[in-house]
Structures are given as structure tokens and as C-alpha cells.
Amino acid sequence: MRQRTAVEKMQEVQNSTLPDEVGATYSYTPSKCQDKGINQMRFELGDTDVHGNARTSALCDEEYNAMIIGKASWNLAKLACLEAIVMKLAYEVDTSVGGLSYSLSARADRWLQMRDKLKRQLEGGIPSGNASALSGPAYFYPGMLANNWKG
């Protein structure tokens, strides 16, 4: 049996990714990168290389749609996408065969940093008041604490 070279071993590792999910679509249209949908999310996250399908894209269109729809805000949808990407890349490990090496864990580092930065931004909160309470009559009024029974 012939011994495989380091290059052949690395090609085997590189080609061992799971096949594309049946029915998964990967699209990006730069002219629609402000559509509050898949295109904008891909643009903001930097996941715009869709030509290699699952090999070059972090999530498919259906996954992005599932994250965007039903979220209270754009940033919460973005955080959900980043969480999904981080979970998807968490299993990738560094591989070294002979003189060649792949640092697959480095792919996840960028997404982790983006997720952590967005989490910190969202933790601050935005102070707000109840509009119906603010538009009604004043809560405090002159003489409110006066004791009419005091002699």
C-alpha cells in the first residue's frame, strides 16, 4: 500500500467537510445590502462569499431568515446569527500534517470577537419611560404631603 504524502492528507482533510444541505441556498446581492434582510445581515457580518456555498459561507439563507424573523430588534437578530455561527464553528480544530497546517480554530476567533462586542453593546440598555405614564397628570401635586388632621 502506497504511503500518502502530506499534501494528499491535507487535501483529504480539506475535502472532508459535510456536503451541502439539500435545499440550502446561499445568495448575496451587494446592491441590496440595506434591505433589513439576509443581504444586510451577510454584509454586516462579513459573510459575503457565497460562491462556495457551505464551504465559504457561515450560514445558509434559510438559517439567516430563521434568525431575523421574529426578533424584537435588528441587533438581537444579529446576536442570534453570531451565536449560531460560533456554535457551528466550535467543533473545528487545528490540523497539522507534515509541513502543512490549517488553523481552523482561527476562523471562529473573528466571530467570537464580533459576538462579544455586540453582547457588550446590548448589555448597556437604553433608558426609557412609559409613554402613557409620562403623558398623564402629574403624580406629585402641591400639598400632597399635608396632614389635614394635624391640629
C-alpha atoms as a PDB file:
ATOM      1  CA  MET A   1       0.000   0.000   0.000  1.00  0.00           C
ATOM      2  CA  ARG A   2       1.351   3.387  -1.072  1.00  0.00           C
ATOM      3  CA  GLN A   3       2.080   5.957   1.649  1.00  0.00           C
ATOM      4  CA  ARG A   4       0.074   9.183   1.224  1.00  0.00           C
ATOM      5  CA  THR A   5       2.009  12.425   1.008  1.00  0.00           C
ATOM      6  CA  ALA A   6       1.409  15.332   3.377  1.00  0.00           C
ATOM      7  CA  VAL A   7      -0.301  17.260   0.577  1.00  0.00           C
ATOM      8  CA  GLU A   8      -2.700  14.365  -0.094  1.00  0.00           C
ATOM      9  CA  LYS A   9      -3.513  14.112   3.612  1.00  0.00           C
ATOM     10  CA  MET A  10      -4.242  17.837   3.844  1.00  0.00           C
ATOM     11  CA  GLN A  11      -6.431  17.697   0.737  1.00  0.00           C
ATOM     12  CA  GLU A  12      -8.365  14.849   2.351  1.00  0.00           C
ATOM     13  CA  VAL A  13      -8.883  16.959   5.492  1.00  0.00           C
ATOM     14  CA  GLN A  14      -9.915  19.955   3.414  1.00  0.00           C
ATOM     15  CA  ASN A  15     -12.398  17.946   1.344  1.00  0.00           C
ATOM     16  CA  SER A  16     -13.857  16.096   4.310  1.00  0.00           C
ATOM     17  CA  THR A  17     -16.453  18.781   5.076  1.00  0.00           C
ATOM     18  CA  LEU A  18     -20.058  17.721   5.151  1.00  0.00           C
ATOM     19  CA  PRO A  19     -21.925  18.000   1.853  1.00  0.00           C
ATOM     20  CA  ASP A  20     -24.209  20.964   1.334  1.00  0.00           C
ATOM     21  CA  GLU A  21     -27.589  20.556   2.986  1.00  0.00           C
ATOM     22  CA  VAL A  22     -30.287  19.648   0.490  1.00  0.00           C
ATOM     23  CA  GLY A  23     -32.408  22.703  -0.249  1.00  0.00           C
ATOM     24  CA  ALA A  24     -29.996  25.165   1.373  1.00  0.00           C
ATOM     25  CA  THR A  25     -29.474  28.338  -0.642  1.00  0.00           C
ATOM     26  CA  TYR A  26     -26.624  30.794  -0.488  1.00  0.00           C
ATOM     27  CA  SER A  27     -27.142  34.229  -2.002  1.00  0.00           C
ATOM     28  CA  TYR A  28     -25.827  37.752  -1.590  1.00  0.00           C
ATOM     29  CA  THR A  29     -26.704  40.821  -3.636  1.00  0.00           C
ATOM     30  CA  PRO A  30     -24.481  43.814  -2.781  1.00  0.00           C
ATOM     31  CA  SER A  31     -26.978  46.313  -4.206  1.00  0.00           C
ATOM     32  CA  LYS A  32     -29.493  45.168  -1.547  1.00  0.00           C
ATOM     33  CA  CYS A  33     -27.180  45.396   1.472  1.00  0.00           C
ATOM     34  CA  GLN A  34     -29.592  47.768   3.252  1.00  0.00           C
ATOM     35  CA  ASP A  35     -32.711  45.606   2.920  1.00  0.00           C
ATOM     36  CA  LYS A  36     -33.002  44.672   6.638  1.00  0.00           C
ATOM     37  CA  GLY A  37     -32.838  41.062   5.496  1.00  0.00           C
ATOM     38  CA  ILE A  38     -30.347  38.397   4.516  1.00  0.00           C
ATOM     39  CA  ASN A  39     -28.238  40.683   2.329  1.00  0.00           C
ATOM     40  CA  GLN A  40     -27.759  43.295   5.044  1.00  0.00           C
ATOM     41  CA  MET A  41     -27.018  40.661   7.677  1.00  0.00           C
ATOM     42  CA  ARG A  42     -24.424  38.988   5.445  1.00  0.00           C
ATOM     43  CA  PHE A  43     -22.887  42.415   4.733  1.00  0.00           C
ATOM     44  CA  GLU A  44     -22.709  43.463   8.395  1.00  0.00           C
ATOM     45  CA  LEU A  45     -21.227  40.125   9.473  1.00  0.00           C
ATOM     46  CA  GLY A  46     -18.816  39.900   6.530  1.00  0.00           C
ATOM     47  CA  ASP A  47     -20.309  36.622   5.315  1.00  0.00           C
ATOM     48  CA  THR A  48     -20.500  37.703   1.677  1.00  0.00           C
ATOM     49  CA  ASP A  49     -18.534  34.946  -0.097  1.00  0.00           C
ATOM     50  CA  VAL A  50     -21.382  32.663  -1.118  1.00  0.00           C
ATOM     51  CA  HIS A  51     -19.832  31.099  -4.236  1.00  0.00           C
ATOM     52  CA  GLY A  52     -18.528  28.084  -2.309  1.00  0.00           C
ATOM     53  CA  ASN A  53     -21.855  27.510  -0.557  1.00  0.00           C
ATOM     54  CA  ALA A  54     -21.321  25.828   2.853  1.00  0.00           C
ATOM     55  CA  ARG A  55     -17.526  25.790   2.421  1.00  0.00           C
ATOM     56  CA  THR A  56     -17.278  29.591   2.283  1.00  0.00           C
ATOM     57  CA  SER A  57     -20.481  30.799   3.963  1.00  0.00           C
ATOM     58  CA  ALA A  58     -21.066  30.708   7.683  1.00  0.00           C
ATOM     59  CA  LEU A  59     -24.844  30.175   7.399  1.00  0.00           C
ATOM     60  CA  CYS A  60     -27.292  29.488   4.587  1.00  0.00           C
ATOM     61  CA  ASP A  61     -30.121  31.870   3.641  1.00  0.00           C
ATOM     62  CA  GLU A  62     -32.701  29.763   5.470  1.00  0.00           C
ATOM     63  CA  GLU A  63     -30.708  29.937   8.712  1.00  0.00           C
ATOM     64  CA  TYR A  64     -30.339  33.726   8.406  1.00  0.00           C
ATOM     65  CA  ASN A  65     -34.081  34.045   7.729  1.00  0.00           C
ATOM     66  CA  ALA A  66     -34.897  31.993  10.815  1.00  0.00           C
ATOM     67  CA  MET A  67     -32.711  34.268  12.955  1.00  0.00           C
ATOM     68  CA  ILE A  68     -34.015  37.551  11.517  1.00  0.00           C
ATOM     69  CA  ILE A  69     -37.735  36.790  11.573  1.00  0.00           C
ATOM     70  CA  GLY A  70     -39.375  37.092  14.956  1.00  0.00           C
ATOM     71  CA  LYS A  71     -36.614  39.001  16.742  1.00  0.00           C
ATOM     72  CA  ALA A  72     -37.553  42.184  18.583  1.00  0.00           C
ATOM     73  CA  SER A  73     -34.681  44.181  17.083  1.00  0.00           C
ATOM     74  CA  TRP A  74     -32.032  44.007  14.387  1.00  0.00           C
ATOM     75  CA  ASN A  75     -29.218  43.729  16.933  1.00  0.00           C
ATOM     76  CA  LEU A  76     -30.900  40.800  18.687  1.00  0.00           C
ATOM     77  CA  ALA A  77     -31.203  39.045  15.316  1.00  0.00           C
ATOM     78  CA  LYS A  78     -27.559  39.827  14.624  1.00  0.00           C
ATOM     79  CA  LEU A  79     -26.575  38.398  18.006  1.00  0.00           C
ATOM     80  CA  ALA A  80     -28.589  35.245  17.283  1.00  0.00           C
ATOM     81  CA  CYS A  81     -26.765  34.854  13.946  1.00  0.00           C
ATOM     82  CA  LEU A  82     -23.388  35.304  15.617  1.00  0.00           C
ATOM     83  CA  GLU A  83     -24.319  32.739  18.290  1.00  0.00           C
ATOM     84  CA  ALA A  84     -25.304  30.245  15.581  1.00  0.00           C
ATOM     85  CA  ILE A  85     -22.071  30.830  13.663  1.00  0.00           C
ATOM     86  CA  VAL A  86     -19.931  30.429  16.778  1.00  0.00           C
ATOM     87  CA  MET A  87     -21.710  27.180  17.658  1.00  0.00           C
ATOM     88  CA  LYS A  88     -21.285  25.904  14.102  1.00  0.00           C
ATOM     89  CA  LEU A  89     -17.540  26.613  14.082  1.00  0.00           C
ATOM     90  CA  ALA A  90     -16.866  25.463  17.648  1.00  0.00           C
ATOM     91  CA  TYR A  91     -16.003  21.906  16.617  1.00  0.00           C
ATOM     92  CA  GLU A  92     -13.258  22.898  14.157  1.00  0.00           C
ATOM     93  CA  VAL A  93      -9.740  22.134  15.345  1.00  0.00           C
ATOM     94  CA  ASP A  94      -6.243  22.942  14.155  1.00  0.00           C
ATOM     95  CA  THR A  95      -4.699  20.291  11.925  1.00  0.00           C
ATOM     96  CA  SER A  96      -1.068  19.737  11.038  1.00  0.00           C
ATOM     97  CA  VAL A  97       0.255  17.089   8.679  1.00  0.00           C
ATOM     98  CA  GLY A  98       3.900  17.132   7.727  1.00  0.00           C
ATOM     99  CA  GLY A  99       4.852  20.687   6.811  1.00  0.00           C
ATOM    100  CA  LEU A 100       1.294  21.853   6.166  1.00  0.00           C
ATOM    101  CA  SER A 101      -1.080  23.113   8.802  1.00  0.00           C
ATOM    102  CA  TYR A 102      -4.570  24.539   8.971  1.00  0.00           C
ATOM    103  CA  SER A 103      -5.620  26.781  11.848  1.00  0.00           C
ATOM    104  CA  LEU A 104      -9.325  26.142  11.579  1.00  0.00           C
ATOM    105  CA  SER A 105      -9.972  27.432  15.108  1.00  0.00           C
ATOM    106  CA  ALA A 106      -8.814  30.880  13.941  1.00  0.00           C
ATOM    107  CA  ARG A 107     -11.977  31.095  11.822  1.00  0.00           C
ATOM    108  CA  ALA A 108     -14.069  31.161  14.974  1.00  0.00           C
ATOM    109  CA  ASP A 109     -11.975  33.845  16.698  1.00  0.00           C
ATOM    110  CA  ARG A 110     -13.258  36.674  14.493  1.00  0.00           C
ATOM    111  CA  TRP A 111     -16.875  35.626  15.032  1.00  0.00           C
ATOM    112  CA  LEU A 112     -16.309  35.300  18.793  1.00  0.00           C
ATOM    113  CA  GLN A 113     -14.899  38.831  18.949  1.00  0.00           C
ATOM    114  CA  MET A 114     -17.859  40.214  16.987  1.00  0.00           C
ATOM    115  CA  ARG A 115     -20.310  38.373  19.251  1.00  0.00           C
ATOM    116  CA  ASP A 116     -18.637  39.565  22.444  1.00  0.00           C
ATOM    117  CA  LYS A 117     -18.525  43.168  21.212  1.00  0.00           C
ATOM    118  CA  LEU A 118     -22.231  43.115  20.315  1.00  0.00           C
ATOM    119  CA  LYS A 119     -23.115  41.496  23.659  1.00  0.00           C
ATOM    120  CA  ARG A 120     -21.305  44.301  25.494  1.00  0.00           C
ATOM    121  CA  GLN A 121     -23.184  46.904  23.445  1.00  0.00           C
ATOM    122  CA  LEU A 122     -26.540  45.293  24.171  1.00  0.00           C
ATOM    123  CA  GLU A 123     -25.878  44.889  27.892  1.00  0.00           C
ATOM    124  CA  GLY A 124     -25.857  48.661  28.460  1.00  0.00           C
ATOM    125  CA  GLY A 125     -29.544  49.079  27.766  1.00  0.00           C
ATOM    126  CA  ILE A 126     -31.336  52.229  26.756  1.00  0.00           C
ATOM    127  CA  PRO A 127     -33.140  54.221  29.417  1.00  0.00           C
ATOM    128  CA  SER A 128     -36.755  54.812  28.542  1.00  0.00           C
ATOM    129  CA  GLY A 129     -40.003  55.793  30.198  1.00  0.00           C
ATOM    130  CA  ASN A 130     -43.555  54.577  29.902  1.00  0.00           C
ATOM    131  CA  ALA A 131     -45.191  56.946  27.413  1.00  0.00           C
ATOM    132  CA  SER A 132     -48.675  56.560  28.908  1.00  0.00           C
ATOM    133  CA  ALA A 133     -47.389  57.352  32.406  1.00  0.00           C
ATOM    134  CA  LEU A 134     -45.475  60.387  31.184  1.00  0.00           C
ATOM    135  CA  SER A 135     -48.392  61.857  29.249  1.00  0.00           C
ATOM    136  CA  GLY A 136     -50.938  61.669  32.119  1.00  0.00           C
ATOM    137  CA  PRO A 137     -51.436  64.040  35.029  1.00  0.00           C
ATOM    138  CA  ALA A 138     -48.513  64.750  37.317  1.00  0.00           C
ATOM    139  CA  TYR A 139     -48.016  62.281  40.114  1.00  0.00           C
ATOM    140  CA  PHE A 140     -46.850  64.910  42.585  1.00  0.00           C
ATOM    141  CA  TYR A 141     -49.005  67.943  43.371  1.00  0.00           C
ATOM    142  CA  PRO A 142     -48.842  70.846  45.838  1.00  0.00           C
ATOM    143  CA  GLY A 143     -49.995  69.927  49.320  1.00  0.00           C
ATOM    144  CA  MET A 144     -49.708  66.215  48.657  1.00  0.00           C
ATOM    145  CA  LEU A 145     -47.963  65.545  51.963  1.00  0.00           C
ATOM    146  CA  ALA A 146     -50.034  67.946  54.003  1.00  0.00           C
ATOM    147  CA  ASN A 147     -51.732  66.404  57.039  1.00  0.00           C
ATOM    148  CA  ASN A 148     -55.169  67.984  57.281  1.00  0.00           C
ATOM    149  CA  TRP A 149     -55.913  66.138  60.537  1.00  0.00           C
ATOM    150  CA  LYS A 150     -52.973  67.605  62.370  1.00  0.00           C
ATOM    151  CA  GLY A 151     -54.152  70.122  64.941  1.00  0.00           C
END
